[in-house]
Amino acid sequence: MTINKLWPELEWIEDKDLREKTAKTWELALERSVLTADDLQVIPFTLLCGPDLKVSFMSHKRAVVHVAKESALKMKEFFKDDLPVNMDVVIAGAILADVAKLLEYVLDEDSKAVQGTYGKYLRHPFSGVSLAEECGVPPEVCHIIATHAGEGNLVKRTTEAYIVHHADFMTYLPFKERLKV
């Protein structure tokens, strides 16, 4: 499976160089991972919601990208130049936010995704920035990778980072909250 089949949303990135660097980061992550592109269609998007979670990694990730894009478009529509939003940065950041989960996860003897040794020491926001920088992804996109999760609460986020952070959490927290009921 090619990266463009895995991520048709790459075509939304108008800047060809950024599109290529975003795709290259995914290619590198898949090369270094024990997971395949096909695994991403079936493994759960998070290990924090228990073994009964049926939403796949790619279903969640693609939803995040779509929610982030639509949110950014609405912000541009309503706030115009009062709050500039770089669409390419939002889309690339949303596509790359969880790329390093491919390094964080391994498959156990039952082919279930579990956190591997690497993931116990380096969460995906950190290793994701490393992968992206290795592929030449610009700092404004790396900032989104670094700040999309809880670690980002400790720094000042850009507008684009807020958009991706909230798109990610609004498509994660309802699943987490269902476990508390």
N, C-alpha and C. Protein backbone atom coordinates (compact mmCIF):
# COMPACT_ATOMS: atom_id res chain seq x y z
N MET A 1 0.85 -1.19 0.00
CA MET A 1 0.00 0.00 0.00
C MET A 1 0.89 1.24 0.00
N THR A 2 0.64 2.13 -0.91
CA THR A 2 1.44 3.35 -0.98
C THR A 2 0.95 4.36 0.05
N ILE A 3 1.82 5.30 0.35
CA ILE A 3 1.47 6.35 1.31
C ILE A 3 0.28 7.16 0.80
N ASN A 4 0.20 7.40 -0.50
CA ASN A 4 -0.93 8.17 -1.05
C ASN A 4 -2.25 7.42 -0.92
N LYS A 5 -2.21 6.09 -0.94
CA LYS A 5 -3.44 5.31 -0.71
C LYS A 5 -3.81 5.36 0.76
N LEU A 6 -2.81 5.29 1.61
CA LEU A 6 -3.03 5.36 3.06
C LEU A 6 -3.54 6.74 3.44
N TRP A 7 -3.00 7.76 2.80
CA TRP A 7 -3.29 9.15 3.11
C TRP A 7 -3.72 9.93 1.87
N PRO A 8 -4.94 9.75 1.36
CA PRO A 8 -5.39 10.56 0.23
C PRO A 8 -5.43 12.05 0.56
N GLU A 9 -5.52 12.37 1.84
CA GLU A 9 -5.56 13.76 2.29
C GLU A 9 -4.25 14.50 2.03
N LEU A 10 -3.19 13.79 1.71
CA LEU A 10 -1.94 14.46 1.33
C LEU A 10 -2.15 15.42 0.18
N GLU A 11 -3.08 15.11 -0.70
CA GLU A 11 -3.35 15.97 -1.86
C GLU A 11 -3.91 17.33 -1.45
N TRP A 12 -4.41 17.45 -0.25
CA TRP A 12 -4.92 18.73 0.24
C TRP A 12 -3.79 19.72 0.52
N ILE A 13 -2.57 19.21 0.69
CA ILE A 13 -1.43 20.08 0.96
C ILE A 13 -0.99 20.68 -0.37
N GLU A 14 -1.17 21.98 -0.52
CA GLU A 14 -0.86 22.65 -1.79
C GLU A 14 0.64 22.76 -2.06
N ASP A 15 1.42 22.99 -1.01
CA ASP A 15 2.87 23.12 -1.15
C ASP A 15 3.46 21.74 -1.45
N LYS A 16 3.94 21.55 -2.68
CA LYS A 16 4.45 20.25 -3.12
C LYS A 16 5.58 19.74 -2.24
N ASP A 17 6.50 20.64 -1.85
CA ASP A 17 7.63 20.26 -1.02
C ASP A 17 7.15 19.75 0.34
N LEU A 18 6.20 20.45 0.95
CA LEU A 18 5.67 20.02 2.25
C LEU A 18 4.92 18.70 2.11
N ARG A 19 4.16 18.55 1.04
CA ARG A 19 3.43 17.30 0.78
C ARG A 19 4.42 16.14 0.71
N GLU A 20 5.51 16.33 -0.04
CA GLU A 20 6.50 15.26 -0.20
C GLU A 20 7.21 14.94 1.11
N LYS A 21 7.54 15.95 1.90
CA LYS A 21 8.21 15.72 3.18
C LYS A 21 7.27 15.04 4.18
N THR A 22 6.00 15.37 4.12
CA THR A 22 5.01 14.71 4.98
C THR A 22 4.90 13.24 4.60
N ALA A 23 4.81 12.95 3.32
CA ALA A 23 4.74 11.56 2.86
C ALA A 23 6.03 10.81 3.20
N LYS A 24 7.16 11.46 3.03
CA LYS A 24 8.46 10.84 3.33
C LYS A 24 8.55 10.46 4.81
N THR A 25 7.99 11.29 5.68
CA THR A 25 8.01 10.98 7.12
C THR A 25 7.22 9.71 7.41
N TRP A 26 6.06 9.56 6.75
CA TRP A 26 5.28 8.34 6.91
C TRP A 26 6.02 7.13 6.35
N GLU A 27 6.68 7.30 5.22
CA GLU A 27 7.46 6.20 4.64
C GLU A 27 8.56 5.76 5.61
N LEU A 28 9.25 6.72 6.20
CA LEU A 28 10.32 6.42 7.14
C LEU A 28 9.77 5.70 8.37
N ALA A 29 8.64 6.17 8.89
CA ALA A 29 8.04 5.53 10.06
C ALA A 29 7.66 4.09 9.76
N LEU A 30 7.09 3.85 8.59
CA LEU A 30 6.72 2.47 8.22
C LEU A 30 7.95 1.59 8.05
N GLU A 31 9.03 2.15 7.49
CA GLU A 31 10.27 1.39 7.34
C GLU A 31 10.81 0.95 8.70
N ARG A 32 10.69 1.79 9.70
CA ARG A 32 11.28 1.52 11.01
C ARG A 32 10.33 0.78 11.96
N SER A 33 9.11 0.60 11.55
CA SER A 33 8.09 0.00 12.41
C SER A 33 7.93 -1.49 12.12
N VAL A 34 7.48 -2.23 13.12
CA VAL A 34 7.08 -3.62 12.90
C VAL A 34 5.68 -3.66 12.29
N LEU A 35 4.96 -2.54 12.33
CA LEU A 35 3.60 -2.48 11.79
C LEU A 35 3.65 -2.25 10.29
N THR A 36 2.63 -2.75 9.62
CA THR A 36 2.47 -2.51 8.19
C THR A 36 1.34 -1.51 7.99
N ALA A 37 1.22 -1.01 6.78
CA ALA A 37 0.11 -0.11 6.46
C ALA A 37 -1.23 -0.83 6.69
N ASP A 38 -1.27 -2.12 6.39
CA ASP A 38 -2.50 -2.89 6.62
C ASP A 38 -2.82 -3.00 8.11
N ASP A 39 -1.80 -3.14 8.95
CA ASP A 39 -2.03 -3.18 10.41
C ASP A 39 -2.72 -1.92 10.90
N LEU A 40 -2.39 -0.77 10.30
CA LEU A 40 -2.94 0.50 10.75
C LEU A 40 -4.45 0.59 10.51
N GLN A 41 -4.95 -0.26 9.62
CA GLN A 41 -6.39 -0.29 9.33
C GLN A 41 -7.16 -1.09 10.38
N VAL A 42 -6.45 -1.85 11.23
CA VAL A 42 -7.14 -2.71 12.20
C VAL A 42 -6.74 -2.48 13.66
N ILE A 43 -5.52 -2.03 13.90
CA ILE A 43 -5.13 -1.82 15.31
C ILE A 43 -5.90 -0.64 15.88
N PRO A 44 -6.17 -0.64 17.20
CA PRO A 44 -6.88 0.49 17.79
C PRO A 44 -6.04 1.76 17.75
N PHE A 45 -6.71 2.89 17.69
CA PHE A 45 -5.99 4.16 17.57
C PHE A 45 -5.31 4.57 18.86
N THR A 46 -5.73 4.00 19.97
CA THR A 46 -5.09 4.29 21.25
C THR A 46 -5.10 3.03 22.09
N LEU A 47 -4.12 2.92 22.96
CA LEU A 47 -4.07 1.80 23.89
C LEU A 47 -4.68 2.19 25.23
N LEU A 48 -5.14 3.44 25.35
CA LEU A 48 -5.62 3.96 26.62
C LEU A 48 -7.11 3.72 26.86
N CYS A 49 -7.81 3.16 25.89
CA CYS A 49 -9.26 2.96 26.03
C CYS A 49 -9.64 1.49 26.20
N GLY A 50 -8.68 0.64 26.45
CA GLY A 50 -8.99 -0.75 26.72
C GLY A 50 -9.06 -1.61 25.47
N PRO A 51 -9.17 -2.92 25.70
CA PRO A 51 -9.10 -3.89 24.60
C PRO A 51 -10.35 -3.94 23.72
N ASP A 52 -11.45 -3.34 24.14
CA ASP A 52 -12.68 -3.42 23.36
C ASP A 52 -12.83 -2.31 22.32
N LEU A 53 -11.87 -1.41 22.24
CA LEU A 53 -11.96 -0.32 21.28
C LEU A 53 -11.83 -0.87 19.86
N LYS A 54 -12.82 -0.56 19.04
CA LYS A 54 -12.85 -1.08 17.67
C LYS A 54 -12.42 -0.05 16.63
N VAL A 55 -12.28 1.20 17.01
CA VAL A 55 -11.92 2.25 16.05
C VAL A 55 -10.44 2.11 15.71
N SER A 56 -10.17 1.98 14.43
CA SER A 56 -8.80 1.74 13.99
C SER A 56 -7.96 3.01 14.04
N PHE A 57 -6.68 2.78 14.02
CA PHE A 57 -5.71 3.87 13.98
C PHE A 57 -6.01 4.82 12.82
N MET A 58 -6.18 4.27 11.62
CA MET A 58 -6.39 5.11 10.45
C MET A 58 -7.75 5.79 10.47
N SER A 59 -8.78 5.16 10.99
CA SER A 59 -10.09 5.83 11.08
C SER A 59 -9.98 7.07 11.96
N HIS A 60 -9.33 6.91 13.09
CA HIS A 60 -9.15 8.06 13.99
C HIS A 60 -8.28 9.13 13.33
N LYS A 61 -7.14 8.71 12.80
CA LYS A 61 -6.20 9.70 12.24
C LYS A 61 -6.83 10.48 11.10
N ARG A 62 -7.53 9.79 10.22
CA ARG A 62 -8.15 10.48 9.09
C ARG A 62 -9.27 11.40 9.59
N ALA A 63 -10.00 10.98 10.61
CA ALA A 63 -11.03 11.85 11.19
C ALA A 63 -10.41 13.12 11.75
N VAL A 64 -9.28 12.99 12.42
CA VAL A 64 -8.58 14.16 12.97
C VAL A 64 -8.23 15.14 11.86
N VAL A 65 -7.71 14.62 10.76
CA VAL A 65 -7.32 15.49 9.64
C VAL A 65 -8.55 16.21 9.08
N HIS A 66 -9.64 15.50 8.91
CA HIS A 66 -10.86 16.10 8.36
C HIS A 66 -11.45 17.14 9.31
N VAL A 67 -11.50 16.82 10.60
CA VAL A 67 -12.03 17.77 11.59
C VAL A 67 -11.14 19.01 11.66
N ALA A 68 -9.83 18.81 11.65
CA ALA A 68 -8.89 19.94 11.71
C ALA A 68 -9.06 20.83 10.48
N LYS A 69 -9.16 20.22 9.30
CA LYS A 69 -9.30 21.01 8.08
C LYS A 69 -10.59 21.83 8.11
N GLU A 70 -11.71 21.19 8.46
CA GLU A 70 -12.99 21.90 8.48
C GLU A 70 -12.99 23.00 9.54
N SER A 71 -12.39 22.73 10.69
CA SER A 71 -12.30 23.75 11.74
C SER A 71 -11.48 24.94 11.27
N ALA A 72 -10.35 24.65 10.63
CA ALA A 72 -9.49 25.73 10.13
C ALA A 72 -10.22 26.56 9.07
N LEU A 73 -10.96 25.91 8.21
CA LEU A 73 -11.72 26.64 7.18
C LEU A 73 -12.75 27.56 7.81
N LYS A 74 -13.44 27.07 8.83
CA LYS A 74 -14.45 27.91 9.51
C LYS A 74 -13.79 29.08 10.23
N MET A 75 -12.64 28.85 10.83
CA MET A 75 -11.94 29.94 11.50
C MET A 75 -11.52 31.00 10.48
N LYS A 76 -11.03 30.56 9.33
CA LYS A 76 -10.65 31.51 8.27
C LYS A 76 -11.88 32.28 7.78
N GLU A 77 -13.00 31.58 7.64
CA GLU A 77 -14.23 32.21 7.16
C GLU A 77 -14.73 33.28 8.12
N PHE A 78 -14.75 32.98 9.40
CA PHE A 78 -15.32 33.89 10.38
C PHE A 78 -14.33 34.95 10.88
N PHE A 79 -13.06 34.60 11.00
CA PHE A 79 -12.09 35.53 11.58
C PHE A 79 -11.21 36.22 10.55
N LYS A 80 -11.23 35.74 9.34
CA LYS A 80 -10.49 36.32 8.22
C LYS A 80 -9.04 36.64 8.61
N ASP A 81 -8.59 37.85 8.37
CA ASP A 81 -7.20 38.22 8.64
C ASP A 81 -6.92 38.49 10.12
N ASP A 82 -7.98 38.52 10.95
CA ASP A 82 -7.78 38.74 12.39
C ASP A 82 -7.12 37.54 13.07
N LEU A 83 -7.24 36.37 12.46
CA LEU A 83 -6.59 35.18 12.98
C LEU A 83 -6.14 34.31 11.79
N PRO A 84 -4.98 34.63 11.23
CA PRO A 84 -4.52 33.87 10.07
C PRO A 84 -4.31 32.39 10.40
N VAL A 85 -4.66 31.54 9.45
CA VAL A 85 -4.48 30.10 9.60
C VAL A 85 -3.82 29.57 8.33
N ASN A 86 -2.72 28.88 8.50
CA ASN A 86 -2.02 28.27 7.36
C ASN A 86 -2.58 26.86 7.17
N MET A 87 -3.38 26.68 6.13
CA MET A 87 -4.05 25.40 5.89
C MET A 87 -3.06 24.26 5.66
N ASP A 88 -2.00 24.50 4.91
CA ASP A 88 -1.02 23.44 4.66
C ASP A 88 -0.38 22.97 5.96
N VAL A 89 -0.10 23.90 6.85
CA VAL A 89 0.51 23.54 8.13
C VAL A 89 -0.47 22.73 8.98
N VAL A 90 -1.74 23.14 9.00
CA VAL A 90 -2.76 22.39 9.75
C VAL A 90 -2.86 20.97 9.23
N ILE A 91 -2.98 20.83 7.92
CA ILE A 91 -3.19 19.50 7.32
C ILE A 91 -1.96 18.61 7.52
N ALA A 92 -0.78 19.14 7.22
CA ALA A 92 0.45 18.35 7.42
C ALA A 92 0.62 17.98 8.89
N GLY A 93 0.36 18.93 9.79
CA GLY A 93 0.49 18.65 11.22
C GLY A 93 -0.49 17.59 11.69
N ALA A 94 -1.71 17.64 11.19
CA ALA A 94 -2.71 16.64 11.57
C ALA A 94 -2.33 15.26 11.03
N ILE A 95 -1.82 15.21 9.81
CA ILE A 95 -1.39 13.94 9.22
C ILE A 95 -0.21 13.35 10.00
N LEU A 96 0.68 14.21 10.48
CA LEU A 96 1.90 13.74 11.13
C LEU A 96 1.81 13.61 12.66
N ALA A 97 0.76 14.09 13.27
CA ALA A 97 0.71 14.15 14.74
C ALA A 97 1.02 12.79 15.40
N ASP A 98 0.49 11.72 14.87
CA ASP A 98 0.68 10.41 15.49
C ASP A 98 1.60 9.48 14.70
N VAL A 99 2.37 10.02 13.76
CA VAL A 99 3.21 9.18 12.91
C VAL A 99 4.14 8.29 13.73
N ALA A 100 4.62 8.76 14.85
CA ALA A 100 5.59 7.98 15.62
C ALA A 100 4.94 6.94 16.52
N LYS A 101 3.61 6.87 16.52
CA LYS A 101 3.00 5.73 17.19
C LYS A 101 3.42 4.44 16.51
N LEU A 102 3.85 4.54 15.28
CA LEU A 102 4.36 3.38 14.57
C LEU A 102 5.64 2.85 15.20
N LEU A 103 6.36 3.72 15.91
CA LEU A 103 7.55 3.30 16.65
C LEU A 103 7.21 2.91 18.09
N GLU A 104 6.12 3.45 18.58
CA GLU A 104 5.71 3.25 19.97
C GLU A 104 5.02 1.89 20.16
N TYR A 105 4.32 1.44 19.14
CA TYR A 105 3.56 0.19 19.21
C TYR A 105 4.35 -0.98 18.65
N VAL A 106 4.10 -2.15 19.22
CA VAL A 106 4.55 -3.43 18.67
C VAL A 106 3.35 -4.37 18.72
N LEU A 107 3.48 -5.52 18.10
CA LEU A 107 2.42 -6.52 18.14
C LEU A 107 2.84 -7.64 19.08
N ASP A 108 1.92 -8.06 19.96
CA ASP A 108 2.24 -9.16 20.87
C ASP A 108 2.02 -10.50 20.15
N GLU A 109 2.14 -11.59 20.90
CA GLU A 109 2.02 -12.92 20.29
C GLU A 109 0.64 -13.21 19.69
N ASP A 110 -0.37 -12.42 20.08
CA ASP A 110 -1.72 -12.55 19.52
C ASP A 110 -2.01 -11.51 18.45
N SER A 111 -0.96 -10.83 18.00
CA SER A 111 -1.06 -9.77 16.99
C SER A 111 -1.88 -8.57 17.46
N LYS A 112 -1.90 -8.36 18.77
CA LYS A 112 -2.56 -7.18 19.32
C LYS A 112 -1.51 -6.09 19.53
N ALA A 113 -1.90 -4.86 19.27
CA ALA A 113 -0.97 -3.75 19.47
C ALA A 113 -0.77 -3.49 20.95
N VAL A 114 0.49 -3.36 21.34
CA VAL A 114 0.86 -3.03 22.72
C VAL A 114 2.00 -2.03 22.66
N GLN A 115 2.23 -1.36 23.78
CA GLN A 115 3.34 -0.42 23.83
C GLN A 115 4.65 -1.19 23.94
N GLY A 116 5.57 -0.87 23.06
CA GLY A 116 6.88 -1.52 23.08
C GLY A 116 7.84 -0.79 24.00
N THR A 117 9.03 -1.32 24.12
CA THR A 117 10.05 -0.73 24.98
C THR A 117 10.35 0.71 24.55
N TYR A 118 10.50 0.92 23.25
CA TYR A 118 10.78 2.27 22.76
C TYR A 118 9.70 3.24 23.22
N GLY A 119 8.45 2.83 23.08
CA GLY A 119 7.33 3.69 23.46
C GLY A 119 7.24 3.96 24.96
N LYS A 120 7.77 3.08 25.76
CA LYS A 120 7.77 3.30 27.21
C LYS A 120 8.71 4.44 27.60
N TYR A 121 9.72 4.66 26.77
CA TYR A 121 10.69 5.70 27.07
C TYR A 121 10.48 6.99 26.30
N LEU A 122 10.00 6.88 25.06
CA LEU A 122 9.78 8.07 24.22
C LEU A 122 8.37 8.04 23.65
N ARG A 123 7.54 8.95 24.12
CA ARG A 123 6.19 9.04 23.57
C ARG A 123 6.25 9.63 22.17
N HIS A 124 5.22 9.38 21.41
CA HIS A 124 5.19 9.75 20.00
C HIS A 124 5.33 11.24 19.70
N PRO A 125 4.94 12.17 20.57
CA PRO A 125 5.21 13.58 20.24
C PRO A 125 6.71 13.87 20.10
N PHE A 126 7.53 13.20 20.91
CA PHE A 126 8.98 13.42 20.86
C PHE A 126 9.60 12.72 19.65
N SER A 127 9.32 11.45 19.51
CA SER A 127 9.90 10.70 18.40
C SER A 127 9.33 11.15 17.06
N GLY A 128 8.09 11.65 17.06
CA GLY A 128 7.50 12.17 15.83
C GLY A 128 8.24 13.39 15.31
N VAL A 129 8.62 14.27 16.21
CA VAL A 129 9.40 15.44 15.80
C VAL A 129 10.73 14.99 15.22
N SER A 130 11.36 14.02 15.83
CA SER A 130 12.64 13.52 15.34
C SER A 130 12.51 12.97 13.92
N LEU A 131 11.49 12.14 13.68
CA LEU A 131 11.25 11.60 12.34
C LEU A 131 11.02 12.72 11.33
N ALA A 132 10.16 13.65 11.69
CA ALA A 132 9.79 14.74 10.78
C ALA A 132 11.00 15.62 10.46
N GLU A 133 11.79 15.95 11.47
CA GLU A 133 12.99 16.76 11.22
C GLU A 133 13.96 16.04 10.30
N GLU A 134 14.08 14.74 10.49
CA GLU A 134 14.96 13.94 9.63
C GLU A 134 14.53 14.03 8.16
N CYS A 135 13.23 14.24 7.94
CA CYS A 135 12.70 14.33 6.57
C CYS A 135 12.57 15.77 6.09
N GLY A 136 13.05 16.73 6.88
CA GLY A 136 13.05 18.13 6.46
C GLY A 136 11.74 18.86 6.66
N VAL A 137 10.85 18.31 7.48
CA VAL A 137 9.57 18.97 7.76
C VAL A 137 9.86 20.28 8.52
N PRO A 138 9.21 21.38 8.13
CA PRO A 138 9.51 22.68 8.75
C PRO A 138 9.07 22.75 10.22
N PRO A 139 9.69 23.66 10.98
CA PRO A 139 9.44 23.75 12.42
C PRO A 139 7.98 24.03 12.78
N GLU A 140 7.24 24.78 11.96
CA GLU A 140 5.85 25.07 12.31
C GLU A 140 4.99 23.82 12.28
N VAL A 141 5.36 22.83 11.48
CA VAL A 141 4.64 21.55 11.48
C VAL A 141 5.16 20.67 12.61
N CYS A 142 6.48 20.66 12.84
CA CYS A 142 7.05 19.91 13.96
C CYS A 142 6.46 20.38 15.28
N HIS A 143 6.19 21.67 15.38
CA HIS A 143 5.57 22.23 16.59
C HIS A 143 4.21 21.57 16.84
N ILE A 144 3.45 21.32 15.81
CA ILE A 144 2.15 20.65 15.97
C ILE A 144 2.34 19.23 16.47
N ILE A 145 3.29 18.51 15.90
CA ILE A 145 3.57 17.14 16.36
C ILE A 145 3.92 17.17 17.84
N ALA A 146 4.79 18.09 18.22
CA ALA A 146 5.27 18.17 19.61
C ALA A 146 4.18 18.57 20.59
N THR A 147 3.21 19.37 20.13
CA THR A 147 2.24 19.95 21.08
C THR A 147 0.83 19.39 20.95
N HIS A 148 0.61 18.41 20.09
CA HIS A 148 -0.77 17.94 19.89
C HIS A 148 -1.31 17.18 21.09
N ALA A 149 -0.45 16.58 21.89
CA ALA A 149 -0.87 15.79 23.04
C ALA A 149 -0.69 16.59 24.33
N GLY A 150 -0.83 15.92 25.44
CA GLY A 150 -0.75 16.58 26.74
C GLY A 150 0.54 17.33 26.98
N GLU A 151 1.63 16.87 26.40
CA GLU A 151 2.91 17.55 26.55
C GLU A 151 2.82 19.00 26.08
N GLY A 152 1.96 19.26 25.13
CA GLY A 152 1.81 20.60 24.58
C GLY A 152 1.18 21.59 25.53
N ASN A 153 0.59 21.10 26.62
CA ASN A 153 -0.01 22.00 27.60
C ASN A 153 1.03 22.82 28.35
N LEU A 154 2.28 22.48 28.17
CA LEU A 154 3.36 23.16 28.89
C LEU A 154 4.01 24.27 28.08
N VAL A 155 3.57 24.44 26.84
CA VAL A 155 4.17 25.47 25.97
C VAL A 155 3.07 26.28 25.30
N LYS A 156 3.46 27.37 24.67
CA LYS A 156 2.52 28.19 23.92
C LYS A 156 2.31 27.57 22.54
N ARG A 157 1.06 27.26 22.24
CA ARG A 157 0.73 26.65 20.94
C ARG A 157 0.42 27.73 19.91
N THR A 158 0.74 27.43 18.64
CA THR A 158 0.31 28.28 17.54
C THR A 158 -1.18 28.03 17.29
N THR A 159 -1.79 28.88 16.50
CA THR A 159 -3.19 28.68 16.13
C THR A 159 -3.37 27.31 15.48
N GLU A 160 -2.50 26.97 14.55
CA GLU A 160 -2.59 25.69 13.85
C GLU A 160 -2.45 24.52 14.82
N ALA A 161 -1.57 24.66 15.82
CA ALA A 161 -1.40 23.60 16.81
C ALA A 161 -2.65 23.45 17.67
N TYR A 162 -3.29 24.56 18.04
CA TYR A 162 -4.55 24.46 18.79
C TYR A 162 -5.61 23.72 17.98
N ILE A 163 -5.69 24.02 16.71
CA ILE A 163 -6.70 23.37 15.87
C ILE A 163 -6.48 21.86 15.86
N VAL A 164 -5.26 21.41 15.61
CA VAL A 164 -4.98 19.98 15.56
C VAL A 164 -5.15 19.34 16.94
N HIS A 165 -4.68 20.00 17.97
CA HIS A 165 -4.83 19.48 19.34
C HIS A 165 -6.31 19.22 19.65
N HIS A 166 -7.15 20.20 19.37
CA HIS A 166 -8.57 20.03 19.70
C HIS A 166 -9.25 19.02 18.77
N ALA A 167 -8.87 18.95 17.51
CA ALA A 167 -9.42 17.93 16.61
C ALA A 167 -9.06 16.54 17.13
N ASP A 168 -7.83 16.39 17.60
CA ASP A 168 -7.38 15.10 18.13
C ASP A 168 -8.15 14.73 19.38
N PHE A 169 -8.27 15.65 20.32
CA PHE A 169 -8.91 15.33 21.58
C PHE A 169 -10.43 15.19 21.46
N MET A 170 -11.05 15.93 20.53
CA MET A 170 -12.50 15.77 20.40
C MET A 170 -12.85 14.45 19.73
N THR A 171 -11.89 13.81 19.08
CA THR A 171 -12.14 12.50 18.49
C THR A 171 -11.53 11.37 19.33
N TYR A 172 -11.00 11.70 20.49
CA TYR A 172 -10.45 10.72 21.43
C TYR A 172 -11.22 10.70 22.75
N LEU A 173 -11.44 11.87 23.34
CA LEU A 173 -12.04 11.92 24.67
C LEU A 173 -13.42 11.26 24.78
N PRO A 174 -14.29 11.36 23.80
CA PRO A 174 -15.57 10.66 23.94
C PRO A 174 -15.41 9.15 24.11
N PHE A 175 -14.41 8.55 23.48
CA PHE A 175 -14.17 7.12 23.67
C PHE A 175 -13.64 6.85 25.07
N LYS A 176 -12.75 7.70 25.52
CA LYS A 176 -12.18 7.55 26.88
C LYS A 176 -13.28 7.72 27.93
N GLU A 177 -14.15 8.70 27.75
CA GLU A 177 -15.22 8.98 28.71
C GLU A 177 -16.25 7.86 28.78
N ARG A 178 -16.47 7.17 27.67
CA ARG A 178 -17.44 6.07 27.67
C ARG A 178 -17.02 4.97 28.62
N LEU A 179 -15.74 4.83 28.87
CA LEU A 179 -15.25 3.80 29.78
C LEU A 179 -15.61 4.11 31.23
N LYS A 180 -15.82 5.38 31.53
CA LYS A 180 -16.11 5.79 32.91
C LYS A 180 -17.57 5.59 33.29
N VAL A 181 -18.43 5.39 32.29
CA VAL A 181 -19.87 5.27 32.55
C VAL A 181 -20.21 3.94 33.15
